[in-house]
Amino acid sequence: EPDRAIPDYDRAIKLNPNDAVGYESRGLAYRDIRDYEHAIQDFDQAIKINPKYILALNDRGIAFAARGDVARAIQDFDEAILIDPRDAFGYNNRGLAYRNRGEVDRAIKDYDQAVLLNSNYVLAYYNRGNAYYDKRDYDRAIEDYNHAIRLDAKYALAYYDRGVAYFEKHNYNQALSDLTQAIKLDPKDALSRYNRGIVYAARGETDRAIADFDQAIKRDPKNALAFYNRGLALARKGEEDRAVADFSQAIKFDPKNANAYYNRGLAYRARGDLDRAVADYDEAIKFNAKDAGIFFARGDAFFKQRTYDNAIADLNQAININPAYTAAFNVRGLAYSAKGDSDRAIADFDQAVRIDPKSAAALSNRGTAYLKKHEFPRAIADFDQ
């Protein structure tokens, strides 16, 4: 209870103003309540009284890092390590600071030193695992999480992150096992529920995924990703109304989520509400103008609304982004055909067939285009295929 401890430290310091430990202890209490300014002031005083107070240097560095001043944090960890080169705590803390600054390789070197100095340092193994995860070296990450779990079998975070690493390796069974253990150790954790839902969704177990997303949202009612992924799961079940509601919540909590707009647009399209679908695709493109799928979806909606020039413009863009987009060539061909331009339509269907020789839609559409041109043998050949 840091709030209740601080007045006691105040009295102790008043009785002995030269007590470095008193300032260090009050600084920790302030840090615990996220009052980093007062915490740093107390650590300053402790270090002023005892310039070689390694614990105060480390704790001040942690406070600087929490405040976002990573450079000053590293200075403190450097000083602690200089005073005691065998300070594993300092290496671990500096590793965290380097990782926060995106210098993952330097972070790993510090974690290496921390575990070399203290082979039972659970947190250093865990942190090094996270750094390897950042590098997408999932095997090494898992090795470090294994070390952490061997040293502390109740370390929920290590199970959680190992589960996520196994998911990245598409080892869904092990991912489920680890995430379930993380939930068992920390039943209130929303992230473990959310990520287990992601694993269930990847396995096609949609109802179980939804159940986990329900629990994640119950524990974190502003979790935009949980709403978004539950929306995807509901859409897969054909429950478009509920999917729209979830995508809307995702957008409420993350207004720049292009995928939420896009998928809500798809749900509106499935309900036959093309105007709302187009409006959502518009928003999605504002936030992500490099996704061929969004341009295709809007182009397809324009085609269904018979605004063929708009459709062709969007499908052009989809093809520019992804020149092998078979469906975009198909729908653009249909748009050209609807405008009476059979030659351009056939050229698009030709390209669709070149990309995917087994595309029944492209062959059928090209056959229909040949029929319009009274090229009956070529039409029959396409229909035969």
Protein backbone atom coordinates (compact mmCIF):
# COMPACT_ATOMS: atom_id res chain seq x y z
CA GLU A 1 0.00 0.00 0.00
CA PRO A 2 2.39 2.73 -1.22
CA ASP A 3 -0.04 5.57 -0.43
CA ARG A 4 -0.03 4.58 3.25
CA ALA A 5 3.71 3.91 3.26
CA ILE A 6 4.72 7.37 2.00
CA PRO A 7 3.71 9.28 5.20
CA ASP A 8 5.77 6.80 7.24
CA TYR A 9 8.80 7.39 5.02
CA ASP A 10 8.20 11.16 5.38
CA ARG A 11 8.49 10.85 9.17
CA ALA A 12 11.54 8.58 8.95
CA ILE A 13 13.33 11.01 6.61
CA LYS A 14 12.46 13.96 8.84
CA LEU A 15 14.09 12.14 11.75
CA ASN A 16 17.16 11.22 9.66
CA PRO A 17 17.61 13.46 6.59
CA ASN A 18 20.82 11.65 5.61
CA ASP A 19 19.23 8.23 5.32
CA ALA A 20 19.76 7.22 1.66
CA VAL A 21 17.71 4.05 2.17
CA GLY A 22 14.74 6.12 3.37
CA TYR A 23 14.79 8.23 0.20
CA GLU A 24 15.24 5.11 -1.96
CA SER A 25 12.26 3.43 -0.26
CA ARG A 26 10.00 6.47 -0.60
CA GLY A 27 11.07 6.79 -4.23
CA LEU A 28 9.92 3.21 -4.85
CA ALA A 29 6.56 4.01 -3.23
CA TYR A 30 6.14 7.05 -5.47
CA ARG A 31 7.13 4.97 -8.50
CA ASP A 32 4.55 2.35 -7.58
CA ILE A 33 1.80 4.99 -7.80
CA ARG A 34 3.33 6.31 -11.07
CA ASP A 35 4.39 9.61 -9.55
CA TYR A 36 7.67 9.51 -11.42
CA GLU A 37 8.70 13.11 -10.73
CA HIS A 38 8.65 12.66 -6.96
CA ALA A 39 10.22 9.22 -7.32
CA ILE A 40 13.13 10.64 -9.32
CA GLN A 41 13.59 13.44 -6.80
CA ASP A 42 13.91 10.88 -4.00
CA PHE A 43 16.31 8.70 -5.97
CA ASP A 44 18.35 11.85 -6.72
CA GLN A 45 18.62 12.52 -3.01
CA ALA A 46 19.56 8.94 -2.20
CA ILE A 47 22.32 9.04 -4.84
CA LYS A 48 23.51 12.44 -3.60
CA ILE A 49 23.94 10.95 -0.13
CA ASN A 50 25.53 7.76 -1.50
CA PRO A 51 26.90 8.21 -5.06
CA LYS A 52 27.59 4.48 -5.36
CA TYR A 53 24.09 3.43 -4.38
CA ILE A 54 23.57 0.92 -7.22
CA LEU A 55 19.95 0.08 -6.32
CA ALA A 56 18.97 3.77 -6.39
CA LEU A 57 20.68 4.23 -9.77
CA ASN A 58 18.80 1.25 -11.17
CA ASP A 59 15.49 2.38 -9.72
CA ARG A 60 15.97 5.93 -10.99
CA GLY A 61 16.73 4.51 -14.43
CA ILE A 62 13.49 2.49 -14.32
CA ALA A 63 11.58 5.67 -13.37
CA PHE A 64 13.19 7.61 -16.24
CA ALA A 65 12.26 4.81 -18.67
CA ALA A 66 8.67 4.75 -17.38
CA ARG A 67 8.54 8.51 -17.98
CA GLY A 68 9.74 7.99 -21.53
CA ASP A 69 13.27 9.34 -21.03
CA VAL A 70 15.13 6.24 -22.22
CA ALA A 71 18.44 8.05 -22.83
CA ARG A 72 18.69 9.15 -19.18
CA ALA A 73 17.61 5.69 -18.05
CA ILE A 74 20.51 4.14 -19.98
CA GLN A 75 22.90 6.65 -18.38
CA ASP A 76 21.82 5.44 -14.93
CA PHE A 77 22.16 1.78 -15.87
CA ASP A 78 25.59 2.50 -17.38
CA GLU A 79 26.66 4.11 -14.10
CA ALA A 80 25.36 1.18 -12.03
CA ILE A 81 27.24 -1.31 -14.23
CA LEU A 82 30.41 0.82 -14.06
CA ILE A 83 30.29 0.75 -10.26
CA ASP A 84 29.62 -3.00 -10.20
CA PRO A 85 30.30 -4.87 -13.48
CA ARG A 86 28.71 -7.95 -11.91
CA ASP A 87 25.35 -6.21 -11.44
CA ALA A 88 23.01 -8.53 -13.36
CA PHE A 89 20.06 -6.28 -12.46
CA GLY A 90 21.71 -3.37 -14.24
CA TYR A 91 22.32 -5.38 -17.42
CA ASN A 92 18.72 -6.59 -17.46
CA ASN A 93 17.39 -3.07 -16.97
CA ARG A 94 19.64 -1.62 -19.65
CA GLY A 95 18.53 -4.43 -21.97
CA LEU A 96 14.92 -3.35 -21.44
CA ALA A 97 15.84 0.25 -22.23
CA TYR A 98 17.66 -0.74 -25.43
CA ARG A 99 14.68 -2.84 -26.51
CA ASN A 100 12.33 0.08 -25.85
CA ARG A 101 14.57 2.14 -28.14
CA GLY A 102 14.41 -0.52 -30.84
CA GLU A 103 18.02 -1.64 -30.38
CA VAL A 104 17.16 -5.31 -30.01
CA ASP A 105 20.62 -6.75 -30.65
CA ARG A 106 22.17 -4.55 -27.95
CA ALA A 107 19.35 -5.60 -25.64
CA ILE A 108 20.11 -9.28 -26.25
CA LYS A 109 23.81 -8.74 -25.44
CA ASP A 110 22.83 -7.22 -22.10
CA TYR A 111 20.42 -10.06 -21.33
CA ASP A 112 23.20 -12.52 -22.23
CA GLN A 113 25.42 -10.86 -19.64
CA ALA A 114 22.62 -10.82 -17.05
CA VAL A 115 22.03 -14.60 -17.28
CA LEU A 116 25.77 -15.24 -17.40
CA LEU A 117 26.10 -13.44 -14.07
CA ASN A 118 22.95 -15.03 -12.63
CA SER A 119 21.87 -18.29 -14.25
CA ASN A 120 18.65 -18.25 -12.18
CA TYR A 121 17.56 -14.80 -13.34
CA VAL A 122 14.01 -15.59 -14.49
CA LEU A 123 13.18 -12.09 -15.70
CA ALA A 124 16.32 -11.84 -17.83
CA TYR A 125 15.49 -15.10 -19.64
CA TYR A 126 11.93 -13.89 -20.18
CA ASN A 127 13.07 -10.49 -21.46
CA ARG A 128 15.59 -12.07 -23.81
CA GLY A 129 12.80 -14.30 -25.11
CA ASN A 130 10.77 -11.17 -25.90
CA ALA A 131 13.75 -9.67 -27.73
CA TYR A 132 14.17 -12.80 -29.85
CA TYR A 133 10.42 -12.69 -30.53
CA ASP A 134 10.88 -9.13 -31.82
CA LYS A 135 13.46 -10.54 -34.25
CA ARG A 136 10.99 -13.28 -35.28
CA ASP A 137 13.45 -15.86 -34.00
CA TYR A 138 10.65 -17.86 -32.43
CA ASP A 139 12.72 -20.95 -31.65
CA ARG A 140 15.19 -18.99 -29.53
CA ALA A 141 12.34 -17.07 -27.93
CA ILE A 142 10.69 -20.35 -26.95
CA GLU A 143 13.99 -21.66 -25.52
CA ASP A 144 14.19 -18.62 -23.25
CA TYR A 145 10.55 -18.86 -22.19
CA ASN A 146 11.27 -22.53 -21.40
CA HIS A 147 14.15 -21.44 -19.13
CA ALA A 148 11.91 -18.92 -17.38
CA ILE A 149 9.16 -21.50 -16.83
CA ARG A 150 11.62 -24.11 -15.53
CA LEU A 151 12.77 -21.58 -12.95
CA ASP A 152 9.24 -20.37 -12.15
CA ALA A 153 6.47 -22.80 -13.07
CA LYS A 154 3.82 -20.20 -12.15
CA TYR A 155 5.09 -17.45 -14.43
CA ALA A 156 1.87 -16.65 -16.33
CA LEU A 157 3.46 -14.12 -18.68
CA ALA A 158 6.06 -16.64 -19.84
CA TYR A 159 3.30 -19.14 -20.70
CA TYR A 160 1.40 -16.38 -22.48
CA ASP A 161 4.33 -15.25 -24.63
CA ARG A 162 5.43 -18.80 -25.35
CA GLY A 163 1.90 -19.53 -26.51
CA VAL A 164 2.00 -16.53 -28.84
CA ALA A 165 5.39 -17.67 -30.21
CA TYR A 166 4.01 -21.17 -30.84
CA PHE A 167 1.07 -19.57 -32.65
CA GLU A 168 3.51 -17.75 -34.96
CA LYS A 169 5.04 -21.17 -35.74
CA HIS A 170 1.51 -22.49 -36.51
CA ASN A 171 1.80 -24.95 -33.64
CA TYR A 172 -1.76 -24.35 -32.52
CA ASN A 173 -1.99 -27.25 -30.10
CA GLN A 174 0.97 -26.06 -28.05
CA ALA A 175 -0.24 -22.46 -28.30
CA LEU A 176 -3.60 -23.50 -26.85
CA SER A 177 -1.92 -25.45 -24.06
CA ASP A 178 0.24 -22.48 -23.03
CA LEU A 179 -2.50 -19.88 -23.26
CA THR A 180 -4.85 -22.11 -21.26
CA GLN A 181 -2.16 -22.43 -18.57
CA ALA A 182 -1.68 -18.65 -18.57
CA ILE A 183 -5.44 -18.23 -18.02
CA LYS A 184 -5.37 -20.79 -15.23
CA LEU A 185 -2.57 -18.86 -13.48
CA ASP A 186 -4.14 -15.44 -14.10
CA PRO A 187 -7.90 -15.82 -14.71
CA LYS A 188 -8.42 -12.03 -14.94
CA ASP A 189 -6.02 -11.56 -17.84
CA ALA A 190 -7.89 -10.34 -20.94
CA LEU A 191 -4.95 -10.75 -23.33
CA SER A 192 -4.62 -14.51 -22.79
CA ARG A 193 -8.34 -14.94 -23.45
CA TYR A 194 -8.10 -12.77 -26.56
CA ASN A 195 -5.12 -14.63 -27.99
CA ARG A 196 -6.60 -18.03 -27.24
CA GLY A 197 -9.61 -16.84 -29.21
CA ILE A 198 -7.28 -16.02 -32.10
CA VAL A 199 -5.87 -19.56 -31.96
CA TYR A 200 -9.33 -21.12 -31.90
CA ALA A 201 -10.31 -18.96 -34.89
CA ALA A 202 -7.21 -20.11 -36.78
CA ARG A 203 -8.25 -23.72 -36.08
CA GLY A 204 -11.75 -23.03 -37.40
CA GLU A 205 -13.32 -23.45 -33.94
CA THR A 206 -15.48 -20.35 -34.32
CA ASP A 207 -17.79 -20.84 -31.34
CA ARG A 208 -14.87 -21.35 -28.96
CA ALA A 209 -13.18 -18.30 -30.42
CA ILE A 210 -16.29 -16.20 -29.81
CA ALA A 211 -16.53 -17.48 -26.23
CA ASP A 212 -12.96 -16.32 -25.55
CA PHE A 213 -13.51 -12.95 -27.21
CA ASP A 214 -16.63 -12.58 -25.02
CA GLN A 215 -14.50 -13.12 -21.93
CA ALA A 216 -11.75 -10.79 -23.17
CA ILE A 217 -14.31 -8.02 -23.73
CA LYS A 218 -15.88 -8.66 -20.33
CA ARG A 219 -12.46 -8.10 -18.73
CA ASP A 220 -11.46 -5.24 -21.05
CA PRO A 221 -14.58 -3.52 -22.45
CA LYS A 222 -12.52 -1.16 -24.63
CA ASN A 223 -10.47 -3.84 -26.36
CA ALA A 224 -10.87 -2.84 -30.02
CA LEU A 225 -9.09 -5.93 -31.33
CA ALA A 226 -11.34 -8.27 -29.37
CA PHE A 227 -14.44 -6.60 -30.84
CA TYR A 228 -12.88 -6.70 -34.32
CA ASN A 229 -11.98 -10.38 -34.17
CA ARG A 230 -15.31 -11.35 -32.65
CA GLY A 231 -16.90 -9.49 -35.55
CA LEU A 232 -14.86 -11.58 -38.00
CA ALA A 233 -15.96 -14.77 -36.25
CA LEU A 234 -19.61 -13.73 -36.29
CA ALA A 235 -19.37 -12.81 -39.97
CA ARG A 236 -18.02 -16.29 -40.71
CA LYS A 237 -21.15 -17.68 -39.05
CA GLY A 238 -23.32 -15.45 -41.25
CA GLU A 239 -24.44 -13.30 -38.29
CA GLU A 240 -23.98 -10.01 -40.13
CA ASP A 241 -26.03 -7.84 -37.75
CA ARG A 242 -23.94 -8.85 -34.74
CA ALA A 243 -20.77 -8.57 -36.82
CA VAL A 244 -21.68 -4.99 -37.80
CA ALA A 245 -22.24 -4.14 -34.12
CA ASP A 246 -18.83 -5.50 -33.17
CA PHE A 247 -17.00 -3.77 -36.04
CA SER A 248 -18.75 -0.55 -34.98
CA GLN A 249 -17.41 -0.99 -31.43
CA ALA A 250 -13.94 -1.69 -32.79
CA ILE A 251 -14.12 1.56 -34.79
CA LYS A 252 -15.37 3.46 -31.73
CA PHE A 253 -12.27 2.47 -29.75
CA ASP A 254 -9.88 2.59 -32.73
CA PRO A 255 -11.23 5.11 -35.28
CA LYS A 256 -8.31 4.55 -37.70
CA ASN A 257 -8.74 0.79 -37.99
CA ALA A 258 -8.97 0.34 -41.77
CA ASN A 259 -9.70 -3.39 -41.45
CA ALA A 260 -12.70 -2.74 -39.21
CA TYR A 261 -14.21 -0.37 -41.77
CA TYR A 262 -13.45 -2.83 -44.58
CA ASN A 263 -15.00 -5.81 -42.82
CA ARG A 264 -18.02 -3.81 -41.69
CA GLY A 265 -18.39 -2.89 -45.35
CA LEU A 266 -18.33 -6.57 -46.28
CA ALA A 267 -21.00 -7.28 -43.66
CA TYR A 268 -23.18 -4.45 -45.03
CA ARG A 269 -22.68 -5.86 -48.55
CA ALA A 270 -23.79 -9.30 -47.32
CA ARG A 271 -26.93 -7.61 -45.97
CA GLY A 272 -27.49 -5.98 -49.38
CA ASP A 273 -26.78 -2.45 -48.09
CA LEU A 274 -24.36 -1.34 -50.82
CA ASP A 275 -24.48 2.39 -49.96
CA ARG A 276 -23.24 1.76 -46.42
CA ALA A 277 -20.72 -0.74 -47.73
CA VAL A 278 -19.25 1.85 -50.12
CA ALA A 279 -19.15 4.46 -47.34
CA ASP A 280 -17.12 2.05 -45.19
CA TYR A 281 -14.77 1.18 -48.04
CA ASP A 282 -14.23 4.93 -48.49
CA GLU A 283 -13.14 5.21 -44.87
CA ALA A 284 -10.96 2.12 -45.09
CA ILE A 285 -9.12 3.56 -48.11
CA LYS A 286 -8.48 6.82 -46.21
CA PHE A 287 -6.45 4.86 -43.69
CA ASN A 288 -4.99 2.22 -46.04
CA ALA A 289 -4.69 3.14 -49.71
CA LYS A 290 -2.35 0.23 -50.46
CA ASP A 291 -4.74 -2.67 -49.94
CA ALA A 292 -5.89 -4.17 -53.23
CA GLY A 293 -8.72 -6.02 -51.48
CA ILE A 294 -10.41 -2.81 -50.34
CA PHE A 295 -10.33 -1.29 -53.84
CA PHE A 296 -11.66 -4.55 -55.22
CA ALA A 297 -14.51 -4.62 -52.70
CA ARG A 298 -15.52 -1.04 -53.50
CA GLY A 299 -15.16 -1.69 -57.24
CA ASP A 300 -17.36 -4.76 -56.93
CA ALA A 301 -19.96 -2.73 -55.00
CA PHE A 302 -19.89 -0.01 -57.68
CA PHE A 303 -20.37 -2.72 -60.33
CA LYS A 304 -23.43 -4.01 -58.49
CA GLN A 305 -24.72 -0.42 -58.30
CA ARG A 306 -24.17 -0.19 -62.09
CA THR A 307 -21.77 2.74 -61.76
CA TYR A 308 -19.38 1.05 -64.13
CA ASP A 309 -16.82 3.83 -64.59
CA ASN A 310 -16.31 4.05 -60.82
CA ALA A 311 -16.05 0.27 -60.71
CA ILE A 312 -13.41 0.20 -63.44
CA ALA A 313 -11.39 2.96 -61.74
CA ASP A 314 -11.27 1.01 -58.47
CA LEU A 315 -10.51 -2.29 -60.17
CA ASN A 316 -7.69 -0.59 -62.09
CA GLN A 317 -6.25 0.43 -58.73
CA ALA A 318 -6.63 -3.07 -57.30
CA ILE A 319 -4.79 -4.51 -60.31
CA ASN A 320 -2.04 -1.88 -60.08
CA ILE A 321 -1.43 -2.95 -56.48
CA ASN A 322 -1.77 -6.68 -57.22
CA PRO A 323 -1.24 -7.52 -60.93
CA ALA A 324 -2.20 -11.16 -60.28
CA TYR A 325 -5.64 -10.35 -58.83
CA THR A 326 -7.82 -12.79 -60.80
CA ALA A 327 -11.13 -11.63 -59.32
CA ALA A 328 -10.34 -7.99 -60.17
CA PHE A 329 -9.76 -8.86 -63.84
CA ASN A 330 -13.01 -10.85 -63.81
CA VAL A 331 -15.16 -8.06 -62.41
CA ARG A 332 -13.48 -5.38 -64.54
CA GLY A 333 -14.21 -7.58 -67.55
CA LEU A 334 -17.85 -7.73 -66.51
CA ALA A 335 -17.91 -3.94 -66.14
CA TYR A 336 -16.46 -3.48 -69.65
CA SER A 337 -19.00 -5.98 -70.96
CA ALA A 338 -21.84 -4.06 -69.28
CA LYS A 339 -20.59 -0.92 -71.05
CA GLY A 340 -20.68 -2.78 -74.36
CA ASP A 341 -16.90 -3.07 -74.74
CA SER A 342 -16.61 -6.80 -75.45
CA ASP A 343 -13.01 -6.62 -76.67
CA ARG A 344 -11.73 -5.12 -73.43
CA ALA A 345 -13.91 -7.53 -71.49
CA ILE A 346 -12.39 -10.51 -73.30
CA ALA A 347 -8.88 -9.14 -72.77
CA ASP A 348 -9.56 -9.05 -69.02
CA PHE A 349 -11.03 -12.54 -68.98
CA ASP A 350 -8.00 -13.73 -70.99
CA GLN A 351 -5.71 -12.32 -68.30
CA ALA A 352 -7.77 -13.90 -65.54
CA VAL A 353 -7.43 -17.29 -67.26
CA ARG A 354 -3.67 -16.81 -67.73
CA ILE A 355 -3.34 -16.17 -64.00
CA ASP A 356 -5.67 -19.03 -63.05
CA PRO A 357 -6.33 -21.47 -65.91
CA LYS A 358 -8.92 -23.27 -63.78
CA SER A 359 -11.01 -20.17 -63.03
CA ALA A 360 -14.53 -21.33 -63.90
CA ALA A 361 -15.84 -17.77 -63.49
CA ALA A 362 -13.34 -16.33 -65.98
CA LEU A 363 -13.98 -19.07 -68.54
CA SER A 364 -17.75 -18.71 -68.20
CA ASN A 365 -17.58 -14.91 -68.44
CA ARG A 366 -15.33 -15.09 -71.51
CA GLY A 367 -17.69 -17.59 -73.09
CA THR A 368 -20.59 -15.17 -72.54
CA ALA A 369 -18.54 -12.33 -74.07
CA TYR A 370 -17.81 -14.47 -77.15
CA LEU A 371 -21.53 -15.20 -77.44
CA LYS A 372 -22.22 -11.46 -77.59
CA LYS A 373 -19.76 -11.24 -80.47
CA HIS A 374 -21.40 -14.26 -82.17
CA GLU A 375 -18.13 -16.22 -81.94
CA PHE A 376 -19.97 -19.39 -81.09
CA PRO A 377 -17.17 -22.02 -81.41
CA ARG A 378 -14.94 -20.04 -79.04
CA ALA A 379 -17.86 -19.56 -76.64
CA ILE A 380 -18.62 -23.29 -76.65
CA ALA A 381 -14.94 -24.10 -76.04
CA ASP A 382 -14.93 -21.89 -72.94
CA PHE A 383 -18.20 -23.29 -71.64
CA ASP A 384 -16.85 -26.83 -72.17
CA GLN A 385 -13.89 -26.03 -69.94
